N, C-alpha and C. Protein backbone atom coordinates (compact mmCIF):
# COMPACT_ATOMS: atom_id res chain seq x y z
N MET A 1 155.70 120.49 87.42
CA MET A 1 156.75 120.55 87.67
C MET A 1 156.69 119.91 89.43
N GLU A 2 155.57 120.11 90.04
CA GLU A 2 155.67 119.59 90.94
C GLU A 2 155.88 118.28 91.13
N THR A 3 155.68 117.21 90.38
CA THR A 3 155.75 115.98 90.29
C THR A 3 157.34 115.71 90.19
N VAL A 4 157.82 116.23 89.56
CA VAL A 4 159.70 116.40 89.55
C VAL A 4 160.32 116.94 90.70
N SER A 5 159.54 118.19 91.12
CA SER A 5 160.05 118.70 92.51
C SER A 5 159.88 117.78 93.59
N CYS A 6 158.54 117.26 93.80
CA CYS A 6 158.37 116.44 94.77
C CYS A 6 158.00 115.08 94.76
N GLY A 7 158.42 114.59 93.76
CA GLY A 7 157.78 112.84 93.49
C GLY A 7 156.61 112.58 93.70
N ARG A 8 156.20 111.40 93.70
CA ARG A 8 154.77 111.31 93.54
C ARG A 8 154.75 110.11 94.93
N PRO A 9 154.12 110.47 95.83
CA PRO A 9 153.58 109.72 96.90
C PRO A 9 153.22 108.28 96.68
N GLY A 10 154.01 107.34 97.22
CA GLY A 10 153.20 106.03 97.31
C GLY A 10 153.47 105.14 96.01
N THR A 11 154.61 106.08 95.58
CA THR A 11 154.97 105.19 93.85
C THR A 11 156.67 105.32 94.33
N GLY A 12 157.42 105.02 92.93
CA GLY A 12 159.12 104.87 93.18
C GLY A 12 159.58 106.16 92.81
N MET A 13 158.64 107.06 92.26
CA MET A 13 159.37 108.61 91.67
C MET A 13 159.69 109.63 92.82
N PRO A 14 161.22 109.80 92.96
CA PRO A 14 161.54 110.20 94.10
C PRO A 14 161.49 111.90 94.03
N PHE A 15 161.51 112.42 95.11
CA PHE A 15 161.57 114.29 94.89
C PHE A 15 163.11 114.62 94.54
N PHE A 16 163.24 115.69 94.02
CA PHE A 16 164.42 116.19 93.67
C PHE A 16 164.51 117.65 94.06
N THR A 17 163.75 118.10 95.05
CA THR A 17 163.79 119.50 95.72
C THR A 17 164.43 119.19 97.01
N ARG A 18 165.38 120.01 97.47
CA ARG A 18 165.85 120.17 98.95
C ARG A 18 165.07 120.52 99.93
N GLY A 19 164.34 120.08 100.90
CA GLY A 19 163.67 120.43 101.84
C GLY A 19 162.11 120.03 101.50
N ALA A 20 162.00 119.29 100.40
CA ALA A 20 160.64 118.53 100.03
C ALA A 20 159.93 118.06 101.20
N TYR A 21 158.72 118.24 101.71
CA TYR A 21 157.97 117.71 102.82
C TYR A 21 158.88 118.14 104.33
N ASP A 22 159.61 118.85 103.93
CA ASP A 22 160.21 119.30 105.53
C ASP A 22 160.10 121.04 105.32
N THR A 23 160.62 121.54 104.26
CA THR A 23 160.65 123.18 104.69
C THR A 23 159.59 123.51 103.37
N VAL A 24 159.42 122.49 102.34
CA VAL A 24 158.46 122.97 101.33
C VAL A 24 157.25 121.93 101.37
N LYS A 25 156.26 122.70 101.29
CA LYS A 25 154.89 121.49 101.36
C LYS A 25 154.91 120.92 100.15
N CYS A 26 154.44 119.62 99.83
CA CYS A 26 154.30 119.03 98.35
C CYS A 26 153.16 118.20 98.46
N HIS A 27 152.51 118.64 97.36
CA HIS A 27 151.16 117.83 97.32
C HIS A 27 150.05 118.13 98.41
N GLY A 28 150.35 119.60 99.10
CA GLY A 28 149.95 120.04 100.16
C GLY A 28 149.81 119.29 101.35
N MET A 29 151.13 118.54 101.33
CA MET A 29 151.36 117.73 102.50
C MET A 29 153.09 118.01 103.21
N ASN A 30 153.02 117.92 104.29
CA ASN A 30 154.40 117.85 105.08
C ASN A 30 154.70 116.27 105.21
N ARG A 31 155.99 116.31 105.83
CA ARG A 31 156.47 114.65 105.89
C ARG A 31 155.42 113.76 106.80
N GLU A 32 155.03 114.79 107.86
CA GLU A 32 154.04 113.94 109.06
C GLU A 32 152.75 113.26 108.11
N GLU A 33 152.08 114.50 107.45
CA GLU A 33 150.67 113.98 106.58
C GLU A 33 151.07 113.34 105.54
N ALA A 34 152.53 113.36 104.80
CA ALA A 34 152.46 112.08 103.80
C ALA A 34 152.75 110.54 104.49
N GLY A 35 153.53 110.59 105.42
CA GLY A 35 153.35 109.39 106.27
C GLY A 35 154.37 108.64 105.55
N ASN A 36 153.84 106.88 105.63
CA ASN A 36 154.65 106.35 104.88
C ASN A 36 154.37 106.31 103.18
N GLN A 37 153.81 107.15 102.92
CA GLN A 37 153.53 107.49 101.22
C GLN A 37 154.53 108.31 100.64
N ILE A 38 155.31 108.87 102.13
CA ILE A 38 156.53 109.90 101.26
C ILE A 38 157.47 109.46 100.10
N PRO A 39 157.69 109.89 98.98
CA PRO A 39 158.71 109.28 98.10
C PRO A 39 160.01 109.35 98.60
N GLN A 40 160.68 108.64 98.14
CA GLN A 40 162.23 108.45 98.53
C GLN A 40 163.10 110.02 97.92
N GLU A 41 164.00 110.46 98.76
CA GLU A 41 164.61 111.35 98.36
C GLU A 41 165.73 110.71 96.97
N ALA A 42 166.06 111.82 95.77
CA ALA A 42 166.52 111.55 94.74
C ALA A 42 168.21 111.65 95.14
N GLY A 43 168.83 110.95 94.40
CA GLY A 43 170.08 110.91 94.67
C GLY A 43 171.39 112.14 94.49
N THR A 44 170.36 113.17 93.78
CA THR A 44 170.73 114.44 93.48
C THR A 44 169.77 115.32 93.31
N PHE A 45 169.68 116.65 94.33
CA PHE A 45 168.73 117.43 94.13
C PHE A 45 168.99 118.40 93.02
N LEU A 46 168.09 118.50 92.60
CA LEU A 46 167.96 119.50 91.33
C LEU A 46 167.65 120.97 91.88
N ARG A 47 168.09 122.07 90.70
CA ARG A 47 167.55 123.43 90.65
C ARG A 47 166.77 123.84 90.31
N PRO A 48 165.85 124.79 90.58
CA PRO A 48 164.53 124.79 89.91
C PRO A 48 164.80 125.03 88.36
N ASN A 49 165.40 125.53 88.09
CA ASN A 49 165.55 125.72 86.30
C ASN A 49 165.93 124.50 85.65
N ASP A 50 166.25 123.38 86.44
CA ASP A 50 166.89 122.08 86.06
C ASP A 50 165.23 121.20 86.17
N ILE A 51 164.66 121.50 87.33
CA ILE A 51 163.46 120.70 87.35
C ILE A 51 162.20 121.21 86.43
N GLU A 52 162.42 122.61 86.15
CA GLU A 52 161.70 123.06 85.07
C GLU A 52 161.93 122.52 83.41
N ALA A 53 163.37 122.25 83.33
CA ALA A 53 163.90 121.62 81.93
C ALA A 53 163.11 120.03 81.91
N VAL A 54 163.41 119.31 83.11
CA VAL A 54 162.75 118.27 83.19
C VAL A 54 161.44 117.97 82.84
N ALA A 55 160.76 119.03 83.42
CA ALA A 55 159.24 118.92 83.21
C ALA A 55 158.75 119.16 81.79
N ASP A 56 159.56 119.98 81.24
CA ASP A 56 159.50 120.34 79.89
C ASP A 56 159.72 119.16 78.98
N TYR A 57 160.69 118.57 79.14
CA TYR A 57 160.89 117.46 78.48
C TYR A 57 160.12 116.52 78.44
N VAL A 58 159.37 116.17 79.78
CA VAL A 58 158.40 115.26 79.86
C VAL A 58 157.07 115.49 79.33
N ILE A 59 156.86 116.89 79.38
CA ILE A 59 155.54 116.77 78.59
C ILE A 59 155.66 116.93 77.04
N ALA A 60 156.72 117.42 76.69
CA ALA A 60 157.16 117.39 75.05
C ALA A 60 157.65 116.06 74.78
N ASN A 61 158.10 115.11 75.15
CA ASN A 61 158.40 113.84 74.64
C ASN A 61 158.21 112.54 75.29
N ILE A 62 157.19 112.70 76.75
CA ILE A 62 156.92 111.55 77.11
C ILE A 62 155.43 111.47 77.61
N LYS A 63 154.73 112.29 77.91
CA LYS A 63 153.46 112.32 78.63
C LYS A 63 152.35 112.04 77.28
N GLY A 64 151.42 111.08 77.54
CA GLY A 64 150.75 110.84 76.55
C GLY A 64 150.90 110.13 75.39
N LYS A 65 152.47 109.60 75.24
CA LYS A 65 152.94 108.87 74.36
C LYS A 65 152.82 107.40 74.41
N GLY A 66 152.47 107.03 75.35
CA GLY A 66 152.08 105.60 75.65
C GLY A 66 153.60 105.10 75.88
N GLU A 67 153.90 103.72 76.37
CA GLU A 67 155.08 103.06 76.45
C GLU A 67 156.47 103.40 75.76
N PRO A 68 157.47 103.64 76.55
CA PRO A 68 158.69 104.02 75.77
C PRO A 68 159.37 102.76 74.83
N ASN A 69 159.97 103.08 73.74
CA ASN A 69 160.51 101.83 73.17
C ASN A 69 161.95 102.14 73.05
N TYR A 70 163.02 101.16 72.47
CA TYR A 70 164.33 101.15 72.34
C TYR A 70 164.59 102.43 71.73
N ALA A 71 164.06 103.01 70.42
CA ALA A 71 164.83 104.02 70.02
C ALA A 71 164.38 105.23 70.65
N GLU A 72 163.51 105.51 71.38
CA GLU A 72 163.26 106.70 72.19
C GLU A 72 164.33 106.65 73.59
N CYS A 73 164.33 105.36 74.16
CA CYS A 73 165.42 105.22 75.13
C CYS A 73 166.74 105.64 74.45
N VAL A 74 167.20 105.17 73.54
CA VAL A 74 168.44 105.66 73.22
C VAL A 74 168.43 107.16 72.77
N THR A 75 167.63 107.60 72.24
CA THR A 75 167.67 109.39 71.82
C THR A 75 167.97 109.90 73.17
N PHE A 76 166.81 109.41 74.53
CA PHE A 76 167.52 109.97 75.70
C PHE A 76 168.77 109.89 76.54
N PHE A 77 169.17 108.72 76.43
CA PHE A 77 170.19 107.87 77.21
C PHE A 77 171.52 107.90 76.23
N GLY A 78 171.32 107.70 75.17
CA GLY A 78 172.69 107.24 74.04
C GLY A 78 172.71 106.00 73.99
N ASP A 79 173.41 105.42 72.98
CA ASP A 79 173.47 104.27 72.41
C ASP A 79 174.70 103.39 73.36
N THR A 80 175.26 104.19 74.28
CA THR A 80 176.24 103.26 74.88
C THR A 80 175.48 102.75 76.22
N SER A 81 174.34 103.37 76.86
CA SER A 81 173.65 103.04 77.99
C SER A 81 173.38 102.11 77.97
N ARG A 82 173.66 100.84 78.81
CA ARG A 82 172.99 99.47 79.11
C ARG A 82 171.33 99.66 79.67
N VAL A 83 171.01 100.99 80.06
CA VAL A 83 169.90 101.24 80.75
C VAL A 83 168.55 100.67 79.74
N CYS A 84 169.11 100.61 78.43
CA CYS A 84 167.90 100.61 77.19
C CYS A 84 168.11 98.92 76.71
N ASP A 85 168.61 98.56 77.14
CA ASP A 85 168.79 96.90 76.98
C ASP A 85 167.18 96.35 77.08
N ILE A 86 166.64 96.48 77.99
CA ILE A 86 165.31 96.08 78.34
C ILE A 86 164.05 96.05 77.36
N TYR A 87 164.44 97.45 76.31
CA TYR A 87 163.76 97.68 75.41
C TYR A 87 164.17 96.57 74.32
N LYS A 88 165.43 96.15 73.95
CA LYS A 88 165.91 95.48 72.93
C LYS A 88 164.87 94.34 72.69
N THR A 89 164.45 93.70 73.27
CA THR A 89 163.59 92.24 73.09
C THR A 89 161.84 92.66 72.61
N GLN A 90 161.61 93.99 72.55
CA GLN A 90 160.46 94.36 72.22
C GLN A 90 160.03 94.27 71.08
N ALA A 91 158.89 93.81 70.67
CA ALA A 91 158.25 93.72 69.23
C ALA A 91 158.08 95.41 68.56
N PRO A 92 158.62 95.67 67.65
CA PRO A 92 158.20 96.97 67.08
C PRO A 92 156.73 97.25 67.15
N PRO A 93 156.33 98.43 67.37
CA PRO A 93 154.78 98.62 67.57
C PRO A 93 154.27 98.74 66.00
N THR A 94 153.27 97.87 66.12
CA THR A 94 152.31 97.85 64.68
C THR A 94 151.44 98.74 64.31
N VAL A 95 151.31 99.30 63.09
CA VAL A 95 150.70 100.24 62.62
C VAL A 95 149.42 99.69 61.78
N ASN A 96 148.27 100.40 62.29
CA ASN A 96 147.10 99.99 61.28
C ASN A 96 147.23 100.71 60.18
N SER A 97 146.95 99.65 59.29
CA SER A 97 147.33 100.41 57.67
C SER A 97 146.26 101.40 57.41
N ASP A 98 145.55 102.05 57.82
CA ASP A 98 144.44 102.89 57.54
C ASP A 98 144.80 104.25 58.41
N ALA A 99 145.58 104.06 59.61
CA ALA A 99 146.03 105.26 60.38
C ALA A 99 147.72 105.11 60.35
N GLY A 100 148.47 104.16 59.82
CA GLY A 100 149.69 104.36 59.52
C GLY A 100 150.02 105.40 58.71
N ALA A 101 149.50 105.69 57.56
CA ALA A 101 150.02 106.79 57.03
C ALA A 101 150.08 108.24 57.45
N SER A 102 148.97 108.40 58.31
CA SER A 102 148.62 109.50 58.94
C SER A 102 149.57 109.78 60.07
N ALA A 103 149.47 108.72 60.92
CA ALA A 103 150.31 108.42 62.12
C ALA A 103 151.95 109.03 61.85
N GLY A 104 152.58 108.04 60.69
CA GLY A 104 153.64 108.49 60.64
C GLY A 104 154.31 109.58 60.01
N LYS A 105 153.14 110.30 59.52
CA LYS A 105 153.71 111.57 59.28
C LYS A 105 153.62 112.49 60.51
N ALA A 106 152.88 112.56 61.28
CA ALA A 106 152.77 113.02 62.60
C ALA A 106 153.70 113.06 63.51
N GLN A 107 154.60 112.31 63.21
CA GLN A 107 155.91 111.87 64.22
C GLN A 107 157.08 112.60 63.41
């Protein structure tokens, strides 16, 4: 949950908690300690229960699953969002014939 709340220093992941790095220490740092590695502020702050919901979604659907594909993007954003267009040109994932049968059932 800290990654959603506080973002990831030195990356494009913004923070979603009001007061992050000011009144709330993040990753053990305040604004001065984070320096130029401080994440950007998100366009909208989230409430604690919303941050928890985002973290739960990431754990259940994204973490450890590899790069997202078009179908997963559409499941999240819907089929009217243009944000998924970057995935339309991707080749579908290939499945090893030995592992394919069991991998397909696990999904």
